Amino acid sequence: MKLLLFSDLHANTAAARRLVQMSEGMDVVIGAGDFGSARRNVSACIPILREIKCPAVVVPGNNESLEELVAACESWPQARVLHGNSHEIEGVPFFGIGGGIPITPFGAWSWDFSEADATRLLAGCPAGAVLVSHSPPKGAVDVAASGENLGSTAVRDAVVKLKPKLVVCGHIHASGGQQARIGNTPVINAGPNGVVWEL
């Protein structure tokens, strides 16, 4: 299964157009959140992304809520918005969790969750799934420009326990495009330029 992974478009329509071109020949496209910026322009890239012909799995970032992303994706019928639930494509389960984890310092506009909330949301993730999380796991592709590891312990614990086939994340821009491993699980902070991955 050929996957195209991306995150953190933040209403960048030029990046969305590149992703549409890259999606030719892909089996699934995965978007790991932050379609808008600070709860604005959530739908800016959707009219472009809906030209993608294959199925898509997306999660909300901390820059849009679940409800805002679901509303924006109404015009993108190939896209399935996940948050605390899973969807199967060609026999492969995809599980999604959105939002900023742990709670960010950005204030009331940011759609965030505590580690305890994230643990509850991750409880239904099947073992061996493709895990799509806006926030990276703690200690993997989560180094901010400040040098701090800002990932989620709840996401990391889920990866250690459930051994996903792949973790696709974003959120920490300074680590965009980077890859790491937790055990045998590849973890990719996709970023807006897109990463092609063979599952």
C-alpha atoms as a PDB file:
ATOM      1  CA  MET A   1       0.000   0.000   0.000  1.00  0.00           C
ATOM      2  CA  LYS A   2       1.459   3.350  -1.102  1.00  0.00           C
ATOM      3  CA  LEU A   3       0.751   6.229   1.267  1.00  0.00           C
ATOM      4  CA  LEU A   4       1.168   9.982   0.896  1.00  0.00           C
ATOM      5  CA  LEU A   5       1.599  11.627   4.294  1.00  0.00           C
ATOM      6  CA  PHE A   6       1.272  15.312   5.170  1.00  0.00           C
ATOM      7  CA  SER A   7       0.536  17.661   8.062  1.00  0.00           C
ATOM      8  CA  ASP A   8       0.471  21.341   9.002  1.00  0.00           C
ATOM      9  CA  LEU A   9      -0.742  22.931   5.785  1.00  0.00           C
ATOM     10  CA  HIS A  10      -1.994  25.987   7.714  1.00  0.00           C
ATOM     11  CA  ALA A  11      -4.062  27.140   4.697  1.00  0.00           C
ATOM     12  CA  ASN A  12      -1.069  26.890   2.314  1.00  0.00           C
ATOM     13  CA  THR A  13      -2.871  26.333  -0.985  1.00  0.00           C
ATOM     14  CA  ALA A  14       0.355  26.009  -3.003  1.00  0.00           C
ATOM     15  CA  ALA A  15       1.425  23.093  -0.778  1.00  0.00           C
ATOM     16  CA  ALA A  16      -2.041  21.553  -1.212  1.00  0.00           C
ATOM     17  CA  ARG A  17      -1.667  21.709  -5.014  1.00  0.00           C
ATOM     18  CA  ARG A  18       1.692  19.916  -4.791  1.00  0.00           C
ATOM     19  CA  LEU A  19       0.093  17.196  -2.662  1.00  0.00           C
ATOM     20  CA  VAL A  20      -2.615  16.661  -5.277  1.00  0.00           C
ATOM     21  CA  GLN A  21       0.111  16.104  -7.900  1.00  0.00           C
ATOM     22  CA  MET A  22       2.031  13.781  -5.561  1.00  0.00           C
ATOM     23  CA  SER A  23      -1.120  11.742  -4.879  1.00  0.00           C
ATOM     24  CA  GLU A  24      -1.178  10.235  -8.375  1.00  0.00           C
ATOM     25  CA  GLY A  25      -0.710   6.471  -8.012  1.00  0.00           C
ATOM     26  CA  MET A  26      -1.157   6.510  -4.220  1.00  0.00           C
ATOM     27  CA  ASP A  27      -3.529   4.145  -2.423  1.00  0.00           C
ATOM     28  CA  VAL A  28      -4.250   6.320   0.632  1.00  0.00           C
ATOM     29  CA  VAL A  29      -3.495   9.936   1.572  1.00  0.00           C
ATOM     30  CA  ILE A  30      -3.067  10.780   5.273  1.00  0.00           C
ATOM     31  CA  GLY A  31      -3.375  14.302   6.672  1.00  0.00           C
ATOM     32  CA  ALA A  32      -2.219  14.662  10.293  1.00  0.00           C
ATOM     33  CA  GLY A  33      -3.924  17.934  11.180  1.00  0.00           C
ATOM     34  CA  ASP A  34      -3.580  21.720  11.151  1.00  0.00           C
ATOM     35  CA  PHE A  35      -5.460  22.495   7.950  1.00  0.00           C
ATOM     36  CA  GLY A  36      -6.152  26.030   9.171  1.00  0.00           C
ATOM     37  CA  SER A  37      -4.437  28.582  11.407  1.00  0.00           C
ATOM     38  CA  ALA A  38      -5.735  29.553  14.857  1.00  0.00           C
ATOM     39  CA  ARG A  39      -9.256  28.263  13.969  1.00  0.00           C
ATOM     40  CA  ARG A  40      -9.418  30.318  10.749  1.00  0.00           C
ATOM     41  CA  ASN A  41      -9.276  29.264   7.084  1.00  0.00           C
ATOM     42  CA  VAL A  42      -9.840  25.596   8.004  1.00  0.00           C
ATOM     43  CA  SER A  43     -11.451  24.948   4.620  1.00  0.00           C
ATOM     44  CA  ALA A  44      -8.955  26.936   2.497  1.00  0.00           C
ATOM     45  CA  CYS A  45      -7.161  23.856   1.130  1.00  0.00           C
ATOM     46  CA  ILE A  46     -10.112  21.444   0.978  1.00  0.00           C
ATOM     47  CA  PRO A  47     -11.403  22.464  -2.501  1.00  0.00           C
ATOM     48  CA  ILE A  48      -7.897  21.671  -3.801  1.00  0.00           C
ATOM     49  CA  LEU A  49      -7.388  18.459  -1.798  1.00  0.00           C
ATOM     50  CA  ARG A  50     -10.739  17.029  -2.897  1.00  0.00           C
ATOM     51  CA  GLU A  51      -9.184  16.544  -6.359  1.00  0.00           C
ATOM     52  CA  ILE A  52      -7.251  13.638  -4.786  1.00  0.00           C
ATOM     53  CA  LYS A  53      -8.802  10.489  -6.249  1.00  0.00           C
ATOM     54  CA  CYS A  54      -7.802   7.875  -3.631  1.00  0.00           C
ATOM     55  CA  PRO A  55      -9.231   7.507  -0.107  1.00  0.00           C
ATOM     56  CA  ALA A  56      -7.948   9.956   2.507  1.00  0.00           C
ATOM     57  CA  VAL A  57      -7.714   9.741   6.294  1.00  0.00           C
ATOM     58  CA  VAL A  58      -7.406  13.029   8.187  1.00  0.00           C
ATOM     59  CA  VAL A  59      -7.373  14.168  11.815  1.00  0.00           C
ATOM     60  CA  PRO A  60      -7.899  17.650  13.234  1.00  0.00           C
ATOM     61  CA  GLY A  61      -4.885  19.505  14.525  1.00  0.00           C
ATOM     62  CA  ASN A  62      -4.873  22.003  17.359  1.00  0.00           C
ATOM     63  CA  ASN A  63      -5.657  24.764  14.838  1.00  0.00           C
ATOM     64  CA  GLU A  64      -9.147  23.388  14.115  1.00  0.00           C
ATOM     65  CA  SER A  65     -11.675  21.383  16.107  1.00  0.00           C
ATOM     66  CA  LEU A  66     -13.187  18.054  15.076  1.00  0.00           C
ATOM     67  CA  GLU A  67     -16.457  19.777  14.231  1.00  0.00           C
ATOM     68  CA  GLU A  68     -14.714  22.424  12.118  1.00  0.00           C
ATOM     69  CA  LEU A  69     -12.761  19.818  10.131  1.00  0.00           C
ATOM     70  CA  VAL A  70     -15.806  17.588   9.617  1.00  0.00           C
ATOM     71  CA  ALA A  71     -17.734  20.597   8.274  1.00  0.00           C
ATOM     72  CA  ALA A  72     -14.842  21.596   5.994  1.00  0.00           C
ATOM     73  CA  CYS A  73     -14.542  18.049   4.617  1.00  0.00           C
ATOM     74  CA  GLU A  74     -18.221  17.730   3.681  1.00  0.00           C
ATOM     75  CA  SER A  75     -17.196  18.634   0.131  1.00  0.00           C
ATOM     76  CA  TRP A  76     -14.355  16.047   0.108  1.00  0.00           C
ATOM     77  CA  PRO A  77     -16.197  12.715  -0.091  1.00  0.00           C
ATOM     78  CA  GLN A  78     -13.013  10.577  -0.213  1.00  0.00           C
ATOM     79  CA  ALA A  79     -11.866  11.923   3.168  1.00  0.00           C
ATOM     80  CA  ARG A  80     -12.645  10.211   6.482  1.00  0.00           C
ATOM     81  CA  VAL A  81     -12.134  12.414   9.557  1.00  0.00           C
ATOM     82  CA  LEU A  82     -10.949  10.411  12.571  1.00  0.00           C
ATOM     83  CA  HIS A  83     -10.633  11.343  16.246  1.00  0.00           C
ATOM     84  CA  GLY A  84     -10.734   8.550  18.812  1.00  0.00           C
ATOM     85  CA  ASN A  85     -11.984   6.071  16.223  1.00  0.00           C
ATOM     86  CA  SER A  86     -10.793   3.903  13.356  1.00  0.00           C
ATOM     87  CA  HIS A  87     -11.544   3.225   9.704  1.00  0.00           C
ATOM     88  CA  GLU A  88     -10.436   0.265   7.603  1.00  0.00           C
ATOM     89  CA  ILE A  89      -9.117   0.586   4.045  1.00  0.00           C
ATOM     90  CA  GLU A  90      -8.207  -2.540   2.054  1.00  0.00           C
ATOM     91  CA  GLY A  91      -8.011  -4.542   5.283  1.00  0.00           C
ATOM     92  CA  VAL A  92      -5.693  -2.052   7.035  1.00  0.00           C
ATOM     93  CA  PRO A  93      -7.074  -0.307  10.149  1.00  0.00           C
ATOM     94  CA  PHE A  94      -6.340   3.424  10.477  1.00  0.00           C
ATOM     95  CA  PHE A  95      -6.865   5.047  13.896  1.00  0.00           C
ATOM     96  CA  GLY A  96      -6.856   8.796  14.449  1.00  0.00           C
ATOM     97  CA  ILE A  97      -6.420  11.210  17.343  1.00  0.00           C
ATOM     98  CA  GLY A  98      -6.345  14.964  16.816  1.00  0.00           C
ATOM     99  CA  GLY A  99      -5.601  18.080  18.815  1.00  0.00           C
ATOM    100  CA  GLY A 100      -2.586  19.331  20.695  1.00  0.00           C
ATOM    101  CA  ILE A 101      -1.355  16.794  23.282  1.00  0.00           C
ATOM    102  CA  PRO A 102      -0.313  17.762  25.918  1.00  0.00           C
ATOM    103  CA  ILE A 103      -2.152  21.073  26.313  1.00  0.00           C
ATOM    104  CA  THR A 104      -0.260  23.811  24.463  1.00  0.00           C
ATOM    105  CA  PRO A 105       0.640  27.274  25.815  1.00  0.00           C
ATOM    106  CA  PHE A 106      -1.229  28.961  22.938  1.00  0.00           C
ATOM    107  CA  GLY A 107      -4.401  29.787  24.850  1.00  0.00           C
ATOM    108  CA  ALA A 108      -8.129  29.278  24.442  1.00  0.00           C
ATOM    109  CA  TRP A 109      -8.187  29.062  20.627  1.00  0.00           C
ATOM    110  CA  SER A 110      -5.979  25.950  20.550  1.00  0.00           C
ATOM    111  CA  TRP A 111      -7.903  22.624  20.415  1.00  0.00           C
ATOM    112  CA  ASP A 112      -5.951  20.676  23.038  1.00  0.00           C
ATOM    113  CA  PHE A 113      -6.175  17.584  25.253  1.00  0.00           C
ATOM    114  CA  SER A 114      -4.508  16.478  28.469  1.00  0.00           C
ATOM    115  CA  GLU A 115      -2.463  13.292  28.529  1.00  0.00           C
ATOM    116  CA  ALA A 116      -5.273  11.643  30.549  1.00  0.00           C
ATOM    117  CA  ASP A 117      -7.854  12.603  27.916  1.00  0.00           C
ATOM    118  CA  ALA A 118      -5.535  11.318  25.178  1.00  0.00           C
ATOM    119  CA  THR A 119      -5.115   7.992  26.966  1.00  0.00           C
ATOM    120  CA  ARG A 120      -8.918   7.597  26.981  1.00  0.00           C
ATOM    121  CA  LEU A 121      -9.180   8.580  23.310  1.00  0.00           C
ATOM    122  CA  LEU A 122      -6.465   6.079  22.349  1.00  0.00           C
ATOM    123  CA  ALA A 123      -8.114   3.193  24.216  1.00  0.00           C
ATOM    124  CA  GLY A 124      -9.904   1.946  21.095  1.00  0.00           C
ATOM    125  CA  CYS A 125      -6.836   1.862  18.857  1.00  0.00           C
ATOM    126  CA  PRO A 126      -6.375  -1.635  17.380  1.00  0.00           C
ATOM    127  CA  ALA A 127      -2.961  -3.264  17.718  1.00  0.00           C
ATOM    128  CA  GLY A 128      -0.954  -3.059  14.508  1.00  0.00           C
ATOM    129  CA  ALA A 129      -3.003  -0.196  13.045  1.00  0.00           C
ATOM    130  CA  VAL A 130      -1.694   2.862  11.225  1.00  0.00           C
ATOM    131  CA  LEU A 131      -1.874   5.517  13.957  1.00  0.00           C
ATOM    132  CA  VAL A 132      -2.519   9.070  12.749  1.00  0.00           C
ATOM    133  CA  SER A 133      -1.897  11.544  15.578  1.00  0.00           C
ATOM    134  CA  HIS A 134      -1.550  15.288  15.169  1.00  0.00           C
ATOM    135  CA  SER A 135       0.846  15.320  18.135  1.00  0.00           C
ATOM    136  CA  PRO A 136       4.018  13.215  17.969  1.00  0.00           C
ATOM    137  CA  PRO A 137       4.947  10.680  20.619  1.00  0.00           C
ATOM    138  CA  LYS A 138       7.290  11.995  23.319  1.00  0.00           C
ATOM    139  CA  GLY A 139      10.929  11.578  22.291  1.00  0.00           C
ATOM    140  CA  ALA A 140      10.355  10.955  18.575  1.00  0.00           C
ATOM    141  CA  VAL A 141      10.247  13.681  15.871  1.00  0.00           C
ATOM    142  CA  ASP A 142       9.043  16.116  18.564  1.00  0.00           C
ATOM    143  CA  VAL A 143      12.000  18.486  19.027  1.00  0.00           C
ATOM    144  CA  ALA A 144      10.901  22.121  18.843  1.00  0.00           C
ATOM    145  CA  ALA A 145      13.063  25.031  17.734  1.00  0.00           C
ATOM    146  CA  SER A 146      13.789  25.573  21.457  1.00  0.00           C
ATOM    147  CA  GLY A 147      15.360  22.103  21.653  1.00  0.00           C
ATOM    148  CA  GLU A 148      12.597  20.766  23.907  1.00  0.00           C
ATOM    149  CA  ASN A 149      10.823  17.448  23.310  1.00  0.00           C
ATOM    150  CA  LEU A 150       7.164  18.486  23.170  1.00  0.00           C
ATOM    151  CA  GLY A 151       5.508  15.185  22.205  1.00  0.00           C
ATOM    152  CA  SER A 152       2.856  13.223  24.048  1.00  0.00           C
ATOM    153  CA  THR A 153       3.547  10.538  26.642  1.00  0.00           C
ATOM    154  CA  ALA A 154       0.071   9.067  26.041  1.00  0.00           C
ATOM    155  CA  VAL A 155       0.793   8.659  22.325  1.00  0.00           C
ATOM    156  CA  ARG A 156       4.192   7.145  23.096  1.00  0.00           C
ATOM    157  CA  ASP A 157       2.671   4.681  25.584  1.00  0.00           C
ATOM    158  CA  ALA A 158       0.099   3.634  22.963  1.00  0.00           C
ATOM    159  CA  VAL A 159       2.873   3.068  20.396  1.00  0.00           C
ATOM    160  CA  VAL A 160       4.900   0.936  22.818  1.00  0.00           C
ATOM    161  CA  LYS A 161       1.841  -1.109  23.794  1.00  0.00           C
ATOM    162  CA  LEU A 162       0.057  -1.482  20.433  1.00  0.00           C
ATOM    163  CA  LYS A 163       3.023  -1.567  18.029  1.00  0.00           C
ATOM    164  CA  PRO A 164       1.371   0.267  15.139  1.00  0.00           C
ATOM    165  CA  LYS A 165       2.540  -0.447  11.580  1.00  0.00           C
ATOM    166  CA  LEU A 166       3.233   3.276  11.236  1.00  0.00           C
ATOM    167  CA  VAL A 167       2.720   6.526  13.169  1.00  0.00           C
ATOM    168  CA  VAL A 168       1.988   9.657  11.134  1.00  0.00           C
ATOM    169  CA  CYS A 169       2.103  12.955  13.022  1.00  0.00           C
ATOM    170  CA  GLY A 170       2.892  16.662  12.703  1.00  0.00           C
ATOM    171  CA  HIS A 171       2.407  19.618  15.099  1.00  0.00           C
ATOM    172  CA  ILE A 172       6.090  20.292  15.862  1.00  0.00           C
ATOM    173  CA  HIS A 173       7.168  22.218  12.778  1.00  0.00           C
ATOM    174  CA  ALA A 174      10.901  22.116  13.548  1.00  0.00           C
ATOM    175  CA  SER A 175      10.769  18.305  13.195  1.00  0.00           C
ATOM    176  CA  GLY A 176       8.686  18.320   9.991  1.00  0.00           C
ATOM    177  CA  GLY A 177       9.853  15.782   7.412  1.00  0.00           C
ATOM    178  CA  GLN A 178      11.827  13.810  10.011  1.00  0.00           C
ATOM    179  CA  GLN A 179      11.553  10.103  10.802  1.00  0.00           C
ATOM    180  CA  ALA A 180      12.327   8.027  13.890  1.00  0.00           C
ATOM    181  CA  ARG A 181      11.501   4.616  15.348  1.00  0.00           C
ATOM    182  CA  ILE A 182       9.941   3.443  18.583  1.00  0.00           C
ATOM    183  CA  GLY A 183      10.812  -0.228  18.690  1.00  0.00           C
ATOM    184  CA  ASN A 184      10.011  -1.473  15.198  1.00  0.00           C
ATOM    185  CA  THR A 185       7.391   1.225  14.550  1.00  0.00           C
ATOM    186  CA  PRO A 186       8.357   4.012  12.123  1.00  0.00           C
ATOM    187  CA  VAL A 187       7.252   7.468  13.282  1.00  0.00           C
ATOM    188  CA  ILE A 188       7.028  10.211  10.644  1.00  0.00           C
ATOM    189  CA  ASN A 189       6.441  13.915  11.284  1.00  0.00           C
ATOM    190  CA  ALA A 190       5.065  14.471   7.811  1.00  0.00           C
ATOM    191  CA  GLY A 191       5.088  18.264   7.385  1.00  0.00           C
ATOM    192  CA  PRO A 192       3.456  20.177   4.511  1.00  0.00           C
ATOM    193  CA  ASN A 193       5.799  19.008   1.726  1.00  0.00           C
ATOM    194  CA  GLY A 194       4.491  15.428   1.796  1.00  0.00           C
ATOM    195  CA  VAL A 195       6.239  12.104   2.410  1.00  0.00           C
ATOM    196  CA  VAL A 196       5.678   8.994   0.288  1.00  0.00           C
ATOM    197  CA  TRP A 197       5.688   5.768   2.302  1.00  0.00           C
ATOM    198  CA  GLU A 198       5.270   2.125   1.291  1.00  0.00           C
ATOM    199  CA  LEU A 199       3.389   0.120   3.915  1.00  0.00           C
END
